[in-house]
Amino acid sequence: MAEFTRRSAIAAGTAATLAAGLPAPAVAGEPSPDVIVVGAGVFGASTARHLQRQGKKVLLVDAWGPAHARASSGGESRLTRGSYGADEVYTRMAWESLAEWRTLSARAELPLFHRAGILFFFPHNEDYVRQTIEVHRRLRLPTEVLDRKAMRRRFPQIDFSDIEIGIYEPEFGALMARRAVQTLVAEFVAAGGAYRCAAVAPPEEGDAPLRRIDLQGGGSLSAGQFVFACGPWLPKLFPDLLGSRIFPTRQEVFFFAPKAGDERFAVGRLPGWADFNAGDIFYGFPDLEGRGFKIAHDKHGPPADPDTGDRTPSPEALAEARAFMERRFPALAGRPLNEARVCQYENSANGDFLIDFHPRRRNVLLVGAGSGHGFKHGPAVGKYAAQLLTGALAQPEPRFSLASKGERQDRAVH
C-alpha cells in the first residue's frame, strides 16, 4: 500500500469534493451502495470506515463537508481522556479509540494526536476520583494519582491552592479534530469509498424499511441500509422521534496568547487539563501548534439551531473564561484573545450516546448524542455502530439504546 500522508489526504479529499458536485452517479447504471451514512463528522466517518473494512460498499453524505464549521466535529482540538468515574464503558471506549487515533496520526503528514497527557484535578477526594482510580486499575491503564504538592512541583503554571488531588493520564492528550476527520474521510475515499456533498431531507414517516432518501436540491439516493450520524441535525431529520430527546446547545471556546517566548503553556510543559470543580467543569489545552491556550466551560449553553444560530461569541462567556483562567492560571491574566469559536453540543438527557435502530425501520441506525464528550470515542463508536448494523455485535450496550433516552436534561456522564 502506498504511504498515506497529509498531502495525499488533501488530494483525496479534493477529488471527493469535486466528485460530490455530480447530480448522479458518475457511471450510468451503477448499483446502489450497501449502506448510506448521512453525516461526515467523527461518528459518521468512523462508521463508514468500519463498514468499509467489513466489505460493505458505502456512500458517505454530508451537507457541507467533513468537519465543516457548523459541525460538532469541526474546530481545532478535542481532549481525549479515560477519567469517567464509574462509567467504565466510556473509559474502555476512550482507551480503545486512542490506539486507532495514534495509528491514524502516524500515517498522516501532520499530527492528528498530541501526547500531551491529561490532568483531571479535584478540590476533594470524592467518589468520582475513587471510582476512576478503581476502573483504571481494573483495566490496567497507566495512571498517576497526584497530591497538591506533586501537582505544584510538576505543573507550576496552575494554582492548586484549593485542590486536593489529581489524576494524571500520560498516554492521553489532544486530538486535532477537524484535521483528523478530514484525514479519516480522505482515507475512506482513497480506499474506494464514495463521498457526496448533499443536504438530506427528513425521511418520510412509515413502518416499512427505508429504501431511499430525498435530497433537498432534488433527486434521491437508494441503499439497503442507512446510518444517520448527523449530530445536532438528528432532531431535524427525525422530529417526532428525537425532537424531545436530543438537545443541541450553544457552546463557546476561547484561545488566549501566552507571552512571547513563554513555553510554560506549550505541549510537554502543560498537559490537557480539566478542573472538576464539583461537577461544574472547566477544561482546556496547552498551546497547540501556536493557536493559543484554549479554555472552555463544560456547561450546557442555551438551545441552539445548527443551521441558523449566530456564531458570534458573547461578552459574558468571554468574561467568565477570563475570570476562571486568571484565577487558575495567573500568568495568563490580561493576555490577549487570539480567537474564539461558537460550536454546539448535542446532548442526550443524561449524556449517554445514542446508537440504536429506528424503532419502526430496522434498516435505519441512529448514531449521535455525542453530548460534548463524544469526539474522543469516534473510532470505538464507529466500530460498535458497524457491528450493530451488520449483526456482528455480541451484546448491545443498554445505555446506548433509544429506549433509555429521556426527555428532560439531567446530565450524569462527565
Protein backbone atom coordinates (compact mmCIF):
# COMPACT_ATOMS: atom_id res chain seq x y z
CA MET A 1 0.00 0.00 0.00
CA ALA A 2 1.28 3.50 -0.82
CA GLU A 3 2.17 5.70 2.14
CA PHE A 4 -0.81 7.82 3.20
CA THR A 5 0.29 11.37 4.00
CA ARG A 6 -1.45 14.62 4.80
CA ARG A 7 -0.79 15.76 1.22
CA SER A 8 -2.45 12.67 -0.23
CA ALA A 9 -5.30 13.12 2.24
CA ILE A 10 -5.89 16.62 0.92
CA ALA A 11 -5.68 15.36 -2.66
CA ALA A 12 -8.18 12.59 -2.00
CA GLY A 13 -10.46 14.98 -0.18
CA THR A 14 -10.30 17.44 -3.06
CA ALA A 15 -11.16 14.70 -5.52
CA ALA A 16 -14.07 13.66 -3.36
CA THR A 17 -15.30 17.23 -3.19
CA LEU A 18 -15.15 17.60 -6.97
CA ALA A 19 -17.00 14.33 -7.45
CA ALA A 20 -19.56 15.41 -4.89
CA GLY A 21 -20.89 18.04 -7.26
CA LEU A 22 -22.22 15.42 -9.66
CA PRO A 23 -26.04 15.21 -9.63
CA ALA A 24 -25.97 11.45 -10.29
CA PRO A 25 -23.54 8.53 -10.06
CA ALA A 26 -20.55 9.02 -12.35
CA VAL A 27 -21.33 5.77 -14.17
CA ALA A 28 -24.84 5.22 -15.51
CA GLY A 29 -26.48 2.17 -14.01
CA GLU A 30 -24.01 1.97 -11.13
CA PRO A 31 -25.55 -0.21 -8.39
CA SER A 32 -26.76 1.39 -5.16
CA PRO A 33 -24.43 1.23 -2.18
CA ASP A 34 -24.98 -1.29 0.57
CA VAL A 35 -25.09 1.49 3.16
CA ILE A 36 -25.56 5.25 3.05
CA VAL A 37 -24.09 7.10 6.03
CA VAL A 38 -25.52 10.59 6.50
CA GLY A 39 -23.11 12.87 8.36
CA ALA A 40 -19.34 13.09 7.85
CA GLY A 41 -18.42 14.03 11.39
CA VAL A 42 -16.34 11.79 13.60
CA PHE A 43 -19.18 9.32 14.30
CA GLY A 44 -20.31 9.07 10.67
CA ALA A 45 -16.83 8.96 9.15
CA SER A 46 -15.70 6.31 11.64
CA THR A 47 -18.80 4.21 11.00
CA ALA A 48 -18.31 4.46 7.24
CA ARG A 49 -14.68 3.40 7.57
CA HIS A 50 -15.51 0.39 9.75
CA LEU A 51 -18.31 -0.69 7.42
CA GLN A 52 -15.88 -0.40 4.53
CA ARG A 53 -13.43 -2.66 6.38
CA GLN A 54 -16.23 -5.21 6.69
CA GLY A 55 -16.55 -5.28 2.91
CA LYS A 56 -19.56 -3.00 2.58
CA LYS A 57 -19.98 -0.58 -0.31
CA VAL A 58 -20.59 2.73 1.48
CA LEU A 59 -21.69 6.20 0.39
CA LEU A 60 -20.92 8.97 2.89
CA VAL A 61 -23.09 12.10 2.57
CA ASP A 62 -22.73 15.49 4.26
CA ALA A 63 -24.41 18.82 3.67
CA TRP A 64 -21.23 20.93 3.90
CA GLY A 65 -18.24 18.61 4.09
CA PRO A 66 -16.21 16.65 6.64
CA ALA A 67 -15.80 18.55 9.94
CA HIS A 68 -17.26 21.74 8.48
CA ALA A 69 -17.57 24.92 10.54
CA ARG A 70 -21.08 24.17 11.84
CA ALA A 71 -20.38 20.56 12.76
CA SER A 72 -19.77 19.41 16.30
CA SER A 73 -16.71 17.62 14.91
CA GLY A 74 -15.39 20.88 13.47
CA GLY A 75 -12.99 23.07 15.38
CA GLU A 76 -9.37 22.91 16.32
CA SER A 77 -8.96 20.38 19.10
CA ARG A 78 -10.63 17.86 21.42
CA LEU A 79 -9.43 16.24 24.63
CA THR A 80 -9.05 12.51 24.92
CA ARG A 81 -9.13 11.06 28.43
CA GLY A 82 -10.04 7.93 30.33
CA SER A 83 -11.32 9.53 33.53
CA TYR A 84 -15.05 8.83 33.73
CA GLY A 85 -15.72 7.90 37.33
CA ALA A 86 -17.74 4.69 37.49
CA ASP A 87 -18.74 4.88 33.80
CA GLU A 88 -16.36 2.14 32.70
CA VAL A 89 -17.94 1.82 29.25
CA TYR A 90 -16.57 5.25 28.28
CA THR A 91 -13.14 4.58 29.76
CA ARG A 92 -12.88 1.40 27.72
CA MET A 93 -14.06 3.14 24.55
CA ALA A 94 -11.64 6.03 25.04
CA TRP A 95 -8.70 3.67 25.51
CA GLU A 96 -9.71 1.55 22.51
CA SER A 97 -10.13 4.65 20.37
CA LEU A 98 -6.79 6.10 21.46
CA ALA A 99 -4.96 3.23 19.75
CA GLU A 100 -6.74 3.97 16.47
CA TRP A 101 -6.15 7.72 16.76
CA ARG A 102 -2.42 7.17 17.30
CA THR A 103 -2.22 4.82 14.32
CA LEU A 104 -4.08 7.27 12.09
CA SER A 105 -1.86 10.10 13.29
CA ALA A 106 1.26 8.11 12.49
CA ARG A 107 0.09 7.75 8.87
CA ALA A 108 -0.64 11.46 8.42
CA GLU A 109 1.95 14.03 7.43
CA LEU A 110 0.83 16.45 10.16
CA PRO A 111 -0.03 15.17 13.66
CA LEU A 112 -3.60 14.30 14.49
CA PHE A 113 -2.78 13.42 18.09
CA HIS A 114 -0.55 15.25 20.57
CA ARG A 115 0.51 13.09 23.51
CA ALA A 116 0.30 15.98 25.95
CA GLY A 117 -1.01 13.99 28.91
CA ILE A 118 -4.24 14.81 30.75
CA LEU A 119 -4.56 16.17 34.29
CA PHE A 120 -8.01 15.99 35.91
CA PHE A 121 -7.98 17.69 39.31
CA PHE A 122 -10.44 17.93 42.19
CA PRO A 123 -10.98 20.01 45.35
CA HIS A 124 -11.63 16.84 47.36
CA ASN A 125 -11.00 13.10 47.15
CA GLU A 126 -14.59 12.41 46.15
CA ASP A 127 -16.44 9.42 44.71
CA TYR A 128 -15.61 10.35 41.12
CA VAL A 129 -11.89 10.18 41.90
CA ARG A 130 -12.07 6.88 43.74
CA GLN A 131 -14.27 5.32 41.07
CA THR A 132 -11.97 6.49 38.27
CA ILE A 133 -8.93 5.05 40.01
CA GLU A 134 -10.72 1.74 40.58
CA VAL A 135 -11.72 1.48 36.91
CA HIS A 136 -8.24 2.40 35.70
CA ARG A 137 -6.62 -0.19 37.93
CA ARG A 138 -9.05 -2.84 36.77
CA LEU A 139 -8.32 -2.02 33.13
CA ARG A 140 -4.58 -1.58 33.85
CA LEU A 141 -4.43 1.91 32.39
CA PRO A 142 -1.25 3.92 33.02
CA THR A 143 -2.46 6.46 35.59
CA GLU A 144 -0.81 8.53 38.30
CA VAL A 145 -2.59 9.86 41.38
CA LEU A 146 -1.04 13.16 42.48
CA ASP A 147 -1.46 15.21 45.64
CA ARG A 148 -1.30 19.00 45.73
CA LYS A 149 2.42 19.09 46.40
CA ALA A 150 3.20 16.81 43.46
CA MET A 151 0.98 18.80 41.10
CA ARG A 152 2.57 22.09 42.14
CA ARG A 153 6.02 20.65 41.51
CA ARG A 154 5.20 19.28 38.07
CA PHE A 155 2.81 21.96 36.82
CA PRO A 156 3.68 25.28 38.50
CA GLN A 157 1.66 27.21 35.89
CA ILE A 158 -1.53 26.12 37.67
CA ASP A 159 -2.78 27.46 41.00
CA PHE A 160 -3.69 24.37 43.06
CA SER A 161 -4.30 26.21 46.33
CA ASP A 162 -7.86 24.84 46.68
CA ILE A 163 -7.14 21.46 45.05
CA GLU A 164 -6.52 18.24 46.98
CA ILE A 165 -5.98 15.52 44.38
CA GLY A 166 -5.37 14.96 40.68
CA ILE A 167 -5.46 12.10 38.18
CA TYR A 168 -2.74 12.25 35.54
CA GLU A 169 -3.04 10.15 32.37
CA PRO A 170 0.27 10.34 30.49
CA GLU A 171 -0.82 8.44 27.36
CA PHE A 172 -3.81 10.65 26.56
CA GLY A 173 -3.75 14.18 25.16
CA ALA A 174 -5.22 16.31 22.38
CA LEU A 175 -6.77 15.42 19.03
CA MET A 176 -6.68 17.86 16.12
CA ALA A 177 -10.38 17.47 15.43
CA ARG A 178 -11.04 18.96 12.01
CA ARG A 179 -7.81 17.59 10.56
CA ALA A 180 -8.47 14.13 11.99
CA VAL A 181 -11.95 13.85 10.48
CA GLN A 182 -10.80 15.15 7.10
CA THR A 183 -7.96 12.63 7.09
CA LEU A 184 -10.32 9.83 8.06
CA VAL A 185 -12.70 10.70 5.21
CA ALA A 186 -9.83 11.02 2.76
CA GLU A 187 -8.62 7.53 3.70
CA PHE A 188 -12.15 6.24 3.24
CA VAL A 189 -12.29 7.74 -0.26
CA ALA A 190 -8.78 6.56 -1.15
CA ALA A 191 -9.83 3.01 -0.19
CA GLY A 192 -12.74 3.09 -2.62
CA GLY A 193 -15.50 4.68 -0.57
CA ALA A 194 -17.85 7.23 -2.13
CA TYR A 195 -18.45 10.70 -0.71
CA ARG A 196 -21.10 13.21 -1.77
CA CYS A 197 -21.85 16.73 -0.61
CA ALA A 198 -25.63 16.95 -0.40
CA ALA A 199 -28.33 18.02 2.06
CA VAL A 200 -30.73 15.25 3.01
CA ALA A 201 -34.44 15.90 3.56
CA PRO A 202 -36.26 14.38 6.56
CA PRO A 203 -37.30 10.82 5.68
CA GLU A 204 -41.00 10.19 5.31
CA GLU A 205 -42.67 8.54 8.29
CA GLY A 206 -43.56 4.91 7.93
CA ASP A 207 -43.14 1.38 9.23
CA ALA A 208 -41.66 -0.21 6.12
CA PRO A 209 -37.89 -0.39 5.58
CA LEU A 210 -36.42 2.83 4.23
CA ARG A 211 -35.48 2.44 0.56
CA ARG A 212 -34.30 5.90 -0.39
CA ILE A 213 -33.60 9.35 0.98
CA ASP A 214 -34.56 12.53 -0.85
CA LEU A 215 -32.10 15.37 -1.30
CA GLN A 216 -33.09 18.97 -0.63
CA GLY A 217 -31.78 20.07 -4.02
CA GLY A 218 -33.73 17.38 -5.85
CA GLY A 219 -33.07 13.76 -6.59
CA SER A 220 -32.71 10.83 -4.22
CA LEU A 221 -30.25 8.18 -3.07
CA SER A 222 -31.04 4.49 -2.54
CA ALA A 223 -29.41 1.82 -0.39
CA GLY A 224 -30.21 -1.32 1.55
CA GLN A 225 -29.30 0.21 4.92
CA PHE A 226 -28.90 3.73 6.31
CA VAL A 227 -26.94 5.28 9.14
CA PHE A 228 -27.90 8.77 10.32
CA ALA A 229 -24.94 10.19 12.26
CA CYS A 230 -25.65 13.88 11.84
CA GLY A 231 -25.25 15.26 15.33
CA PRO A 232 -27.45 18.30 16.05
CA TRP A 233 -29.36 17.71 12.81
CA LEU A 234 -30.79 14.40 14.07
CA PRO A 235 -33.77 16.12 15.77
CA LYS A 236 -34.47 17.95 12.50
CA LEU A 237 -34.45 14.79 10.41
CA PHE A 238 -36.49 12.81 12.95
CA PRO A 239 -38.52 15.46 14.80
CA ASP A 240 -41.22 13.17 16.17
CA LEU A 241 -38.73 10.59 17.41
CA LEU A 242 -35.76 12.69 18.55
CA GLY A 243 -37.03 16.26 18.75
CA SER A 244 -37.53 15.94 22.51
CA ARG A 245 -34.63 13.53 23.18
CA ILE A 246 -31.57 15.30 21.76
CA PHE A 247 -30.77 18.82 22.90
CA PRO A 248 -28.40 20.94 20.76
CA THR A 249 -26.85 23.66 22.90
CA ARG A 250 -24.60 26.63 22.16
CA GLN A 251 -21.01 26.26 23.44
CA GLU A 252 -18.17 28.79 23.36
CA VAL A 253 -14.41 28.23 23.46
CA PHE A 254 -11.57 30.77 23.65
CA PHE A 255 -7.88 30.84 22.75
CA PHE A 256 -5.52 33.21 24.57
CA ALA A 257 -1.97 34.22 23.68
CA PRO A 258 0.77 33.46 26.21
CA LYS A 259 3.64 35.93 26.37
CA ALA A 260 6.12 35.70 23.51
CA GLY A 261 8.72 33.07 24.27
CA ASP A 262 6.81 31.70 27.29
CA GLU A 263 6.99 27.93 26.87
CA ARG A 264 5.26 27.10 30.15
CA PHE A 265 2.00 26.63 28.25
CA ALA A 266 3.40 24.54 25.40
CA VAL A 267 2.87 20.82 24.82
CA GLY A 268 5.32 18.96 27.01
CA ARG A 269 5.15 21.57 29.75
CA LEU A 270 1.40 21.87 30.27
CA PRO A 271 -0.98 18.91 29.83
CA GLY A 272 -4.54 18.98 28.67
CA TRP A 273 -6.49 19.66 31.83
CA ALA A 274 -9.92 19.60 33.42
CA ASP A 275 -10.96 21.19 36.69
CA PHE A 276 -13.81 19.06 38.06
CA ASN A 277 -14.97 22.00 40.18
CA ALA A 278 -17.73 19.99 41.93
CA GLY A 279 -19.13 18.91 38.55
CA ASP A 280 -19.11 22.40 37.04
CA ILE A 281 -16.17 21.56 34.81
CA PHE A 282 -13.78 23.94 33.08
CA TYR A 283 -11.22 22.39 30.74
CA GLY A 284 -8.52 23.37 28.32
CA PHE A 285 -5.40 22.66 26.30
CA PRO A 286 -1.81 23.73 26.08
CA ASP A 287 -0.84 25.98 23.19
CA LEU A 288 -1.25 23.53 20.30
CA GLU A 289 0.63 24.44 17.13
CA GLY A 290 0.73 28.12 18.07
CA ARG A 291 -3.04 28.67 18.19
CA GLY A 292 -3.05 29.71 21.84
CA PHE A 293 -4.08 28.45 25.26
CA LYS A 294 -7.63 27.06 24.93
CA ILE A 295 -10.26 27.22 27.66
CA ALA A 296 -13.95 26.34 27.79
CA HIS A 297 -16.73 25.84 30.32
CA ASP A 298 -18.28 22.38 30.09
CA LYS A 299 -21.74 23.67 30.92
CA HIS A 300 -24.75 23.29 28.67
CA GLY A 301 -25.44 26.58 26.97
CA PRO A 302 -28.79 27.81 25.67
CA PRO A 303 -30.63 25.88 22.94
CA ALA A 304 -29.01 26.23 19.52
CA ASP A 305 -30.09 25.76 15.93
CA PRO A 306 -27.12 24.39 13.92
CA ASP A 307 -28.41 25.96 10.71
CA THR A 308 -29.43 29.45 11.77
CA GLY A 309 -27.72 30.02 15.12
CA ASP A 310 -25.46 33.05 15.30
CA ARG A 311 -21.81 32.14 15.90
CA THR A 312 -20.68 35.41 17.46
CA PRO A 313 -19.02 34.84 20.86
CA SER A 314 -20.75 36.54 23.77
CA PRO A 315 -19.07 39.07 26.07
CA GLU A 316 -20.49 37.19 29.07
CA ALA A 317 -18.84 33.88 28.14
CA LEU A 318 -15.56 35.62 27.40
CA ALA A 319 -15.61 37.37 30.77
CA GLU A 320 -16.37 34.07 32.51
CA ALA A 321 -13.49 32.33 30.74
CA ARG A 322 -11.10 35.16 31.61
CA ALA A 323 -12.12 35.16 35.26
CA PHE A 324 -11.57 31.43 35.63
CA MET A 325 -8.32 31.47 33.66
CA GLU A 326 -6.90 34.32 35.70
CA ARG A 327 -7.70 32.52 38.95
CA ARG A 328 -6.36 29.11 37.93
CA PHE A 329 -3.59 30.25 35.52
CA PRO A 330 -2.43 33.59 37.00
CA ALA A 331 0.40 34.07 34.48
CA LEU A 332 -2.25 34.41 31.76
CA ALA A 333 -4.11 37.26 33.47
CA GLY A 334 -4.85 40.01 30.97
CA ARG A 335 -3.43 38.15 27.99
CA PRO A 336 -5.00 39.00 24.61
CA LEU A 337 -7.61 36.83 22.97
CA ASN A 338 -6.30 35.05 19.87
CA GLU A 339 -9.61 33.70 18.65
CA ALA A 340 -12.98 32.38 19.76
CA ARG A 341 -15.36 29.79 18.43
CA VAL A 342 -19.04 29.02 18.93
CA CYS A 343 -20.00 25.41 18.28
CA GLN A 344 -22.61 23.14 19.84
CA TYR A 345 -23.12 20.04 21.88
CA GLU A 346 -25.90 17.63 21.00
CA ASN A 347 -26.83 16.19 24.36
CA SER A 348 -28.93 13.26 25.34
CA ALA A 349 -30.84 13.71 28.56
CA ASN A 350 -28.08 12.22 30.73
CA GLY A 351 -25.02 12.37 28.46
CA ASP A 352 -25.11 8.81 27.11
CA PHE A 353 -24.68 8.14 23.40
CA LEU A 354 -27.48 7.08 21.08
CA ILE A 355 -26.54 4.09 18.89
CA ASP A 356 -29.69 2.17 18.10
CA PHE A 357 -32.08 1.20 15.32
CA HIS A 358 -35.10 3.24 14.41
CA PRO A 359 -37.96 1.55 16.28
CA ARG A 360 -40.10 1.11 13.15
CA ARG A 361 -37.45 0.86 10.45
CA ARG A 362 -34.89 -1.78 11.29
CA ASN A 363 -32.63 -0.91 8.38
CA VAL A 364 -32.07 2.58 9.80
CA LEU A 365 -29.42 3.10 12.50
CA LEU A 366 -29.34 6.30 14.54
CA VAL A 367 -25.94 7.39 15.86
CA GLY A 368 -25.47 10.57 17.85
CA ALA A 369 -25.85 12.43 21.12
CA GLY A 370 -22.11 12.96 21.48
CA SER A 371 -23.03 15.19 24.42
CA GLY A 372 -19.81 17.19 24.43
CA HIS A 373 -17.55 14.25 25.27
CA GLY A 374 -18.04 12.09 22.19
CA PHE A 375 -15.21 13.03 19.81
CA LYS A 376 -12.51 11.02 21.55
CA HIS A 377 -14.67 7.88 21.25
CA GLY A 378 -15.15 8.18 17.48
CA PRO A 379 -13.28 5.03 16.40
CA ALA A 380 -14.97 2.87 19.06
CA VAL A 381 -18.39 4.32 18.22
CA GLY A 382 -17.80 3.59 14.53
CA LYS A 383 -16.82 0.01 15.28
CA TYR A 384 -19.80 -0.51 17.57
CA ALA A 385 -22.24 1.00 15.06
CA ALA A 386 -20.87 -1.04 12.17
CA GLN A 387 -21.09 -4.26 14.17
CA LEU A 388 -24.61 -3.44 15.31
CA LEU A 389 -25.75 -2.69 11.75
CA THR A 390 -24.27 -5.90 10.34
CA GLY A 391 -25.42 -8.15 13.18
CA ALA A 392 -21.87 -8.85 14.37
CA LEU A 393 -22.24 -7.22 17.80
CA ALA A 394 -22.30 -9.81 20.55
CA GLN A 395 -24.16 -7.74 23.13
CA PRO A 396 -25.65 -4.26 22.62
CA GLU A 397 -24.98 -1.71 25.36
CA PRO A 398 -28.33 -0.82 27.03
CA ARG A 399 -27.14 2.71 27.77
CA PHE A 400 -26.91 3.45 24.05
CA SER A 401 -30.49 2.40 23.33
CA LEU A 402 -33.22 4.77 22.20
CA ALA A 403 -35.46 3.42 24.97
CA SER A 404 -33.05 4.77 27.59
CA LYS A 405 -33.25 8.34 26.31
CA GLY A 406 -35.30 10.68 28.44
CA GLU A 407 -36.91 14.00 27.58
CA ARG A 408 -35.55 16.10 30.46
CA GLN A 409 -31.91 17.11 30.69
CA ASP A 410 -30.24 15.70 33.79
CA ARG A 411 -26.62 15.10 32.87
CA ALA A 412 -24.95 12.23 34.70
CA VAL A 413 -21.96 11.50 32.45
CA HIS A 414 -18.96 13.78 32.99
